[in-house]
């Protein structure tokens, strides 16, 4: 399987072909432990559970991603919202980042950062890791002109949301407001 082809399947367009592994153990503990233990920076990421999904037409391909743990979040002080979430019209209560890892035969072949946003009451969803887009420098300083992400990252967040987000998140998802036109650059071609 080519890397490009594998990544193209990690999208909400293929959500009916992905199967979430049921239960928490032993697979989620083993795989998530390999990728997550010690990976979170203190006071920035409060994600303790993980989910695994397998691509049913070719079970060699799978995904593992962090799932927010409400009890753990309440025991720690949130790190605050990223700048793009603070600028959004919707008032978000919490934002937590984590990594989605794409696996082929159990080995990581790709990883990307995602954010889980919620506005309280355990209602929220995943969004891509938006990157700043800078304008032309004025007096040697470039200001943030907006935010950017790729259509692939949006599709991946949509796939994750098909498992975990409430239907309400689609109404409040900030992605179309923050990045109305995602880049069509394939993740393999990003620099």
C-alpha atoms as a PDB file:
ATOM      1  CA  UNK A   1       0.000   0.000   0.000  1.00  0.00           C
ATOM      2  CA  UNK A   2       1.369   3.412  -0.983  1.00  0.00           C
ATOM      3  CA  UNK A   3       1.581   6.075   1.733  1.00  0.00           C
ATOM      4  CA  UNK A   4      -0.537   8.508  -0.308  1.00  0.00           C
ATOM      5  CA  UNK A   5      -3.244   5.900  -0.790  1.00  0.00           C
ATOM      6  CA  UNK A   6      -3.267   5.001   2.901  1.00  0.00           C
ATOM      7  CA  UNK A   7      -3.586   8.653   3.968  1.00  0.00           C
ATOM      8  CA  UNK A   8      -6.347   9.278   1.422  1.00  0.00           C
ATOM      9  CA  UNK A   9      -8.465   6.662   3.232  1.00  0.00           C
ATOM     10  CA  UNK A  10      -8.199   8.577   6.540  1.00  0.00           C
ATOM     11  CA  UNK A  11     -11.178  10.795   5.777  1.00  0.00           C
ATOM     12  CA  UNK A  12     -14.819  11.225   6.662  1.00  0.00           C
ATOM     13  CA  UNK A  13     -15.507  10.241   3.031  1.00  0.00           C
ATOM     14  CA  UNK A  14     -14.611   6.664   4.078  1.00  0.00           C
ATOM     15  CA  UNK A  15     -16.157   6.691   7.559  1.00  0.00           C
ATOM     16  CA  UNK A  16     -18.403   3.705   6.788  1.00  0.00           C
ATOM     17  CA  UNK A  17     -15.307   1.616   5.998  1.00  0.00           C
ATOM     18  CA  UNK A  18     -13.629   2.288   9.367  1.00  0.00           C
ATOM     19  CA  UNK A  19     -14.527   0.184  12.403  1.00  0.00           C
ATOM     20  CA  UNK A  20     -13.853   1.372  15.935  1.00  0.00           C
ATOM     21  CA  UNK A  21     -12.433  -1.314  18.214  1.00  0.00           C
ATOM     22  CA  UNK A  22     -14.828  -1.908  21.057  1.00  0.00           C
ATOM     23  CA  UNK A  23     -13.714  -1.700  24.662  1.00  0.00           C
ATOM     24  CA  UNK A  24     -10.659  -0.172  26.218  1.00  0.00           C
ATOM     25  CA  UNK A  25      -8.293  -3.056  26.793  1.00  0.00           C
ATOM     26  CA  UNK A  26      -6.052  -4.703  25.911  1.00  0.00           C
ATOM     27  CA  UNK A  27      -5.464  -3.227  22.418  1.00  0.00           C
ATOM     28  CA  UNK A  28      -6.001   0.431  23.275  1.00  0.00           C
ATOM     29  CA  UNK A  29      -3.768   0.182  26.330  1.00  0.00           C
ATOM     30  CA  UNK A  30      -0.977  -1.511  24.380  1.00  0.00           C
ATOM     31  CA  UNK A  31      -1.011   0.654  21.255  1.00  0.00           C
ATOM     32  CA  UNK A  32      -1.801   3.943  22.989  1.00  0.00           C
ATOM     33  CA  UNK A  33       0.894   3.249  25.568  1.00  0.00           C
ATOM     34  CA  UNK A  34       3.510   2.875  22.852  1.00  0.00           C
ATOM     35  CA  UNK A  35       2.698   6.284  21.402  1.00  0.00           C
ATOM     36  CA  UNK A  36       1.479   8.312  24.369  1.00  0.00           C
ATOM     37  CA  UNK A  37       3.447   7.542  27.499  1.00  0.00           C
ATOM     38  CA  UNK A  38       5.521  10.608  28.264  1.00  0.00           C
ATOM     39  CA  UNK A  39       4.468  12.293  25.026  1.00  0.00           C
ATOM     40  CA  UNK A  40       2.233  14.947  26.559  1.00  0.00           C
ATOM     41  CA  UNK A  41       3.697  18.186  27.782  1.00  0.00           C
ATOM     42  CA  UNK A  42       2.659  19.183  31.312  1.00  0.00           C
ATOM     43  CA  UNK A  43      -0.375  21.464  31.513  1.00  0.00           C
ATOM     44  CA  UNK A  44      -0.929  21.482  27.751  1.00  0.00           C
ATOM     45  CA  UNK A  45      -2.540  18.164  26.976  1.00  0.00           C
ATOM     46  CA  UNK A  46      -5.068  16.485  29.180  1.00  0.00           C
ATOM     47  CA  UNK A  47      -6.032  13.417  27.193  1.00  0.00           C
ATOM     48  CA  UNK A  48      -5.753  10.061  28.839  1.00  0.00           C
ATOM     49  CA  UNK A  49      -7.959   7.641  26.903  1.00  0.00           C
ATOM     50  CA  UNK A  50      -7.390   6.444  23.366  1.00  0.00           C
ATOM     51  CA  UNK A  51      -9.475   4.999  20.580  1.00  0.00           C
ATOM     52  CA  UNK A  52      -8.434   2.667  17.792  1.00  0.00           C
ATOM     53  CA  UNK A  53     -10.184   2.255  14.447  1.00  0.00           C
ATOM     54  CA  UNK A  54      -9.357  -0.244  11.716  1.00  0.00           C
ATOM     55  CA  UNK A  55      -9.986   0.174   7.992  1.00  0.00           C
ATOM     56  CA  UNK A  56     -12.220  -2.819   7.299  1.00  0.00           C
ATOM     57  CA  UNK A  57     -11.371  -3.359   3.577  1.00  0.00           C
ATOM     58  CA  UNK A  58      -7.665  -3.609   4.478  1.00  0.00           C
ATOM     59  CA  UNK A  59      -7.194  -4.338   8.181  1.00  0.00           C
ATOM     60  CA  UNK A  60      -3.470  -3.576   7.949  1.00  0.00           C
ATOM     61  CA  UNK A  61      -4.441   0.121   8.185  1.00  0.00           C
ATOM     62  CA  UNK A  62      -5.512   1.567  11.533  1.00  0.00           C
ATOM     63  CA  UNK A  63      -5.675   4.810  13.511  1.00  0.00           C
ATOM     64  CA  UNK A  64      -5.132   5.615  17.171  1.00  0.00           C
ATOM     65  CA  UNK A  65      -6.106   8.972  18.676  1.00  0.00           C
ATOM     66  CA  UNK A  66      -6.581  10.556  22.111  1.00  0.00           C
ATOM     67  CA  UNK A  67      -9.987  10.894  23.698  1.00  0.00           C
ATOM     68  CA  UNK A  68     -10.678  13.519  26.368  1.00  0.00           C
ATOM     69  CA  UNK A  69     -11.137  12.233  29.886  1.00  0.00           C
ATOM     70  CA  UNK A  70     -13.475  14.580  31.737  1.00  0.00           C
ATOM     71  CA  UNK A  71     -12.432  13.418  35.219  1.00  0.00           C
ATOM     72  CA  UNK A  72      -8.741  14.039  34.478  1.00  0.00           C
ATOM     73  CA  UNK A  73      -9.489  17.455  32.952  1.00  0.00           C
ATOM     74  CA  UNK A  74     -11.300  18.571  36.093  1.00  0.00           C
ATOM     75  CA  UNK A  75      -8.338  17.618  38.306  1.00  0.00           C
ATOM     76  CA  UNK A  76      -5.889  19.820  36.365  1.00  0.00           C
ATOM     77  CA  UNK A  77      -5.839  23.460  35.413  1.00  0.00           C
ATOM     78  CA  UNK A  78      -6.602  23.897  31.692  1.00  0.00           C
ATOM     79  CA  UNK A  79      -3.767  25.442  29.678  1.00  0.00           C
ATOM     80  CA  UNK A  80      -6.061  27.908  27.924  1.00  0.00           C
ATOM     81  CA  UNK A  81      -7.280  28.226  24.387  1.00  0.00           C
ATOM     82  CA  UNK A  82      -5.090  28.477  21.301  1.00  0.00           C
ATOM     83  CA  UNK A  83      -5.138  31.888  19.621  1.00  0.00           C
ATOM     84  CA  UNK A  84      -7.361  30.731  16.751  1.00  0.00           C
ATOM     85  CA  UNK A  85     -10.006  29.468  19.215  1.00  0.00           C
ATOM     86  CA  UNK A  86      -9.917  32.736  21.161  1.00  0.00           C
ATOM     87  CA  UNK A  87     -10.545  34.646  17.920  1.00  0.00           C
ATOM     88  CA  UNK A  88     -13.508  32.458  16.954  1.00  0.00           C
ATOM     89  CA  UNK A  89     -17.025  33.863  17.380  1.00  0.00           C
ATOM     90  CA  UNK A  90     -18.104  30.859  19.451  1.00  0.00           C
ATOM     91  CA  UNK A  91     -17.130  30.812  23.115  1.00  0.00           C
ATOM     92  CA  UNK A  92     -15.113  27.640  23.726  1.00  0.00           C
ATOM     93  CA  UNK A  93     -14.506  26.465  27.290  1.00  0.00           C
ATOM     94  CA  UNK A  94     -11.666  23.994  26.732  1.00  0.00           C
ATOM     95  CA  UNK A  95      -9.200  22.991  24.019  1.00  0.00           C
ATOM     96  CA  UNK A  96      -6.933  19.961  24.312  1.00  0.00           C
ATOM     97  CA  UNK A  97      -4.398  18.815  21.772  1.00  0.00           C
ATOM     98  CA  UNK A  98      -3.170  15.345  20.945  1.00  0.00           C
ATOM     99  CA  UNK A  99      -1.749  13.243  18.122  1.00  0.00           C
ATOM    100  CA  UNK A 100      -3.504  10.968  15.651  1.00  0.00           C
ATOM    101  CA  UNK A 101      -1.198   8.174  14.532  1.00  0.00           C
ATOM    102  CA  UNK A 102      -1.819   6.263  11.290  1.00  0.00           C
ATOM    103  CA  UNK A 103      -0.551   2.685  11.528  1.00  0.00           C
ATOM    104  CA  UNK A 104       0.188   0.103   8.847  1.00  0.00           C
ATOM    105  CA  UNK A 105       0.652  -3.415  10.203  1.00  0.00           C
ATOM    106  CA  UNK A 106       0.932  -1.836  13.651  1.00  0.00           C
ATOM    107  CA  UNK A 107       3.803   0.474  12.692  1.00  0.00           C
ATOM    108  CA  UNK A 108       3.358   4.246  12.557  1.00  0.00           C
ATOM    109  CA  UNK A 109       3.432   5.650   9.034  1.00  0.00           C
ATOM    110  CA  UNK A 110       2.051   9.138   9.725  1.00  0.00           C
ATOM    111  CA  UNK A 111       1.105  11.373  12.624  1.00  0.00           C
ATOM    112  CA  UNK A 112      -0.654  14.681  12.895  1.00  0.00           C
ATOM    113  CA  UNK A 113      -1.794  16.939  15.700  1.00  0.00           C
ATOM    114  CA  UNK A 114      -5.499  17.563  16.336  1.00  0.00           C
ATOM    115  CA  UNK A 115      -7.437  19.585  18.873  1.00  0.00           C
ATOM    116  CA  UNK A 116     -10.509  18.598  20.818  1.00  0.00           C
ATOM    117  CA  UNK A 117     -12.746  21.606  21.504  1.00  0.00           C
ATOM    118  CA  UNK A 118     -15.672  21.678  23.868  1.00  0.00           C
ATOM    119  CA  UNK A 119     -18.034  24.285  25.202  1.00  0.00           C
ATOM    120  CA  UNK A 120     -18.921  22.466  28.399  1.00  0.00           C
ATOM    121  CA  UNK A 121     -21.279  19.654  29.343  1.00  0.00           C
ATOM    122  CA  UNK A 122     -19.007  17.200  27.537  1.00  0.00           C
ATOM    123  CA  UNK A 123     -20.116  18.450  24.116  1.00  0.00           C
ATOM    124  CA  UNK A 124     -17.358  18.988  21.586  1.00  0.00           C
ATOM    125  CA  UNK A 125     -15.390  17.622  18.680  1.00  0.00           C
ATOM    126  CA  UNK A 126     -12.070  17.406  16.851  1.00  0.00           C
ATOM    127  CA  UNK A 127     -10.561  20.062  14.594  1.00  0.00           C
ATOM    128  CA  UNK A 128      -7.260  20.178  12.667  1.00  0.00           C
ATOM    129  CA  UNK A 129      -4.174  21.891  14.047  1.00  0.00           C
ATOM    130  CA  UNK A 130      -4.580  25.311  12.426  1.00  0.00           C
ATOM    131  CA  UNK A 131      -1.334  27.051  11.521  1.00  0.00           C
ATOM    132  CA  UNK A 132      -0.847  30.822  11.287  1.00  0.00           C
ATOM    133  CA  UNK A 133      -0.715  32.452   7.863  1.00  0.00           C
ATOM    134  CA  UNK A 134       1.480  35.531   7.899  1.00  0.00           C
ATOM    135  CA  UNK A 135       1.065  38.623   5.758  1.00  0.00           C
ATOM    136  CA  UNK A 136       3.775  40.716   4.145  1.00  0.00           C
ATOM    137  CA  UNK A 137       6.274  42.044   6.687  1.00  0.00           C
ATOM    138  CA  UNK A 138       5.775  45.655   7.713  1.00  0.00           C
ATOM    139  CA  UNK A 139       8.764  47.275   9.380  1.00  0.00           C
ATOM    140  CA  UNK A 140      10.407  43.864   9.694  1.00  0.00           C
ATOM    141  CA  UNK A 141       7.476  42.245  11.519  1.00  0.00           C
ATOM    142  CA  UNK A 142       4.945  39.849   9.968  1.00  0.00           C
ATOM    143  CA  UNK A 143       1.488  39.836  11.496  1.00  0.00           C
ATOM    144  CA  UNK A 144      -0.833  36.857  11.505  1.00  0.00           C
ATOM    145  CA  UNK A 145      -3.209  37.430   8.632  1.00  0.00           C
ATOM    146  CA  UNK A 146      -5.308  34.316   9.191  1.00  0.00           C
ATOM    147  CA  UNK A 147      -5.098  30.575   9.669  1.00  0.00           C
ATOM    148  CA  UNK A 148      -4.570  27.616   7.366  1.00  0.00           C
ATOM    149  CA  UNK A 149      -4.930  23.859   7.230  1.00  0.00           C
ATOM    150  CA  UNK A 150      -5.335  21.211   4.563  1.00  0.00           C
ATOM    151  CA  UNK A 151      -8.456  19.530   3.216  1.00  0.00           C
ATOM    152  CA  UNK A 152      -6.878  16.227   4.305  1.00  0.00           C
ATOM    153  CA  UNK A 153      -6.625  17.407   7.943  1.00  0.00           C
ATOM    154  CA  UNK A 154     -10.263  18.546   7.807  1.00  0.00           C
ATOM    155  CA  UNK A 155     -11.292  15.130   6.453  1.00  0.00           C
ATOM    156  CA  UNK A 156      -9.350  13.344   9.200  1.00  0.00           C
ATOM    157  CA  UNK A 157     -11.024  15.461  11.906  1.00  0.00           C
ATOM    158  CA  UNK A 158     -14.362  14.604  10.285  1.00  0.00           C
ATOM    159  CA  UNK A 159     -13.541  10.894  10.517  1.00  0.00           C
ATOM    160  CA  UNK A 160     -12.684  11.207  14.220  1.00  0.00           C
ATOM    161  CA  UNK A 161     -15.866  13.171  14.829  1.00  0.00           C
ATOM    162  CA  UNK A 162     -17.932  10.444  13.193  1.00  0.00           C
ATOM    163  CA  UNK A 163     -17.059   8.282  16.225  1.00  0.00           C
ATOM    164  CA  UNK A 164     -17.126  10.708  19.088  1.00  0.00           C
ATOM    165  CA  UNK A 165     -18.772  14.047  18.449  1.00  0.00           C
ATOM    166  CA  UNK A 166     -22.348  14.770  19.135  1.00  0.00           C
ATOM    167  CA  UNK A 167     -24.421  15.874  16.174  1.00  0.00           C
ATOM    168  CA  UNK A 168     -24.432  19.334  17.704  1.00  0.00           C
ATOM    169  CA  UNK A 169     -20.708  19.850  17.062  1.00  0.00           C
ATOM    170  CA  UNK A 170     -21.252  20.138  13.305  1.00  0.00           C
ATOM    171  CA  UNK A 171     -23.293  23.275  13.939  1.00  0.00           C
ATOM    172  CA  UNK A 172     -20.518  24.902  15.963  1.00  0.00           C
ATOM    173  CA  UNK A 173     -17.417  23.442  14.246  1.00  0.00           C
ATOM    174  CA  UNK A 174     -15.089  26.434  13.814  1.00  0.00           C
ATOM    175  CA  UNK A 175     -13.189  24.995  10.840  1.00  0.00           C
ATOM    176  CA  UNK A 176     -15.302  26.682   8.104  1.00  0.00           C
ATOM    177  CA  UNK A 177     -15.052  30.016   9.953  1.00  0.00           C
ATOM    178  CA  UNK A 178     -11.331  29.816  10.681  1.00  0.00           C
ATOM    179  CA  UNK A 179     -10.222  28.302   7.351  1.00  0.00           C
ATOM    180  CA  UNK A 180     -12.995  28.715   4.772  1.00  0.00           C
ATOM    181  CA  UNK A 181     -10.782  27.359   1.963  1.00  0.00           C
ATOM    182  CA  UNK A 182      -8.421  24.613   3.145  1.00  0.00           C
ATOM    183  CA  UNK A 183      -5.350  23.900   1.046  1.00  0.00           C
ATOM    184  CA  UNK A 184      -5.547  20.960  -1.348  1.00  0.00           C
ATOM    185  CA  UNK A 185      -1.891  20.061  -0.747  1.00  0.00           C
ATOM    186  CA  UNK A 186      -1.551  16.362   0.076  1.00  0.00           C
ATOM    187  CA  UNK A 187       0.055  15.773   3.501  1.00  0.00           C
ATOM    188  CA  UNK A 188       2.947  13.907   1.861  1.00  0.00           C
ATOM    189  CA  UNK A 189       3.740  17.040  -0.157  1.00  0.00           C
ATOM    190  CA  UNK A 190       3.559  19.512   2.753  1.00  0.00           C
ATOM    191  CA  UNK A 191       6.844  21.113   3.742  1.00  0.00           C
END
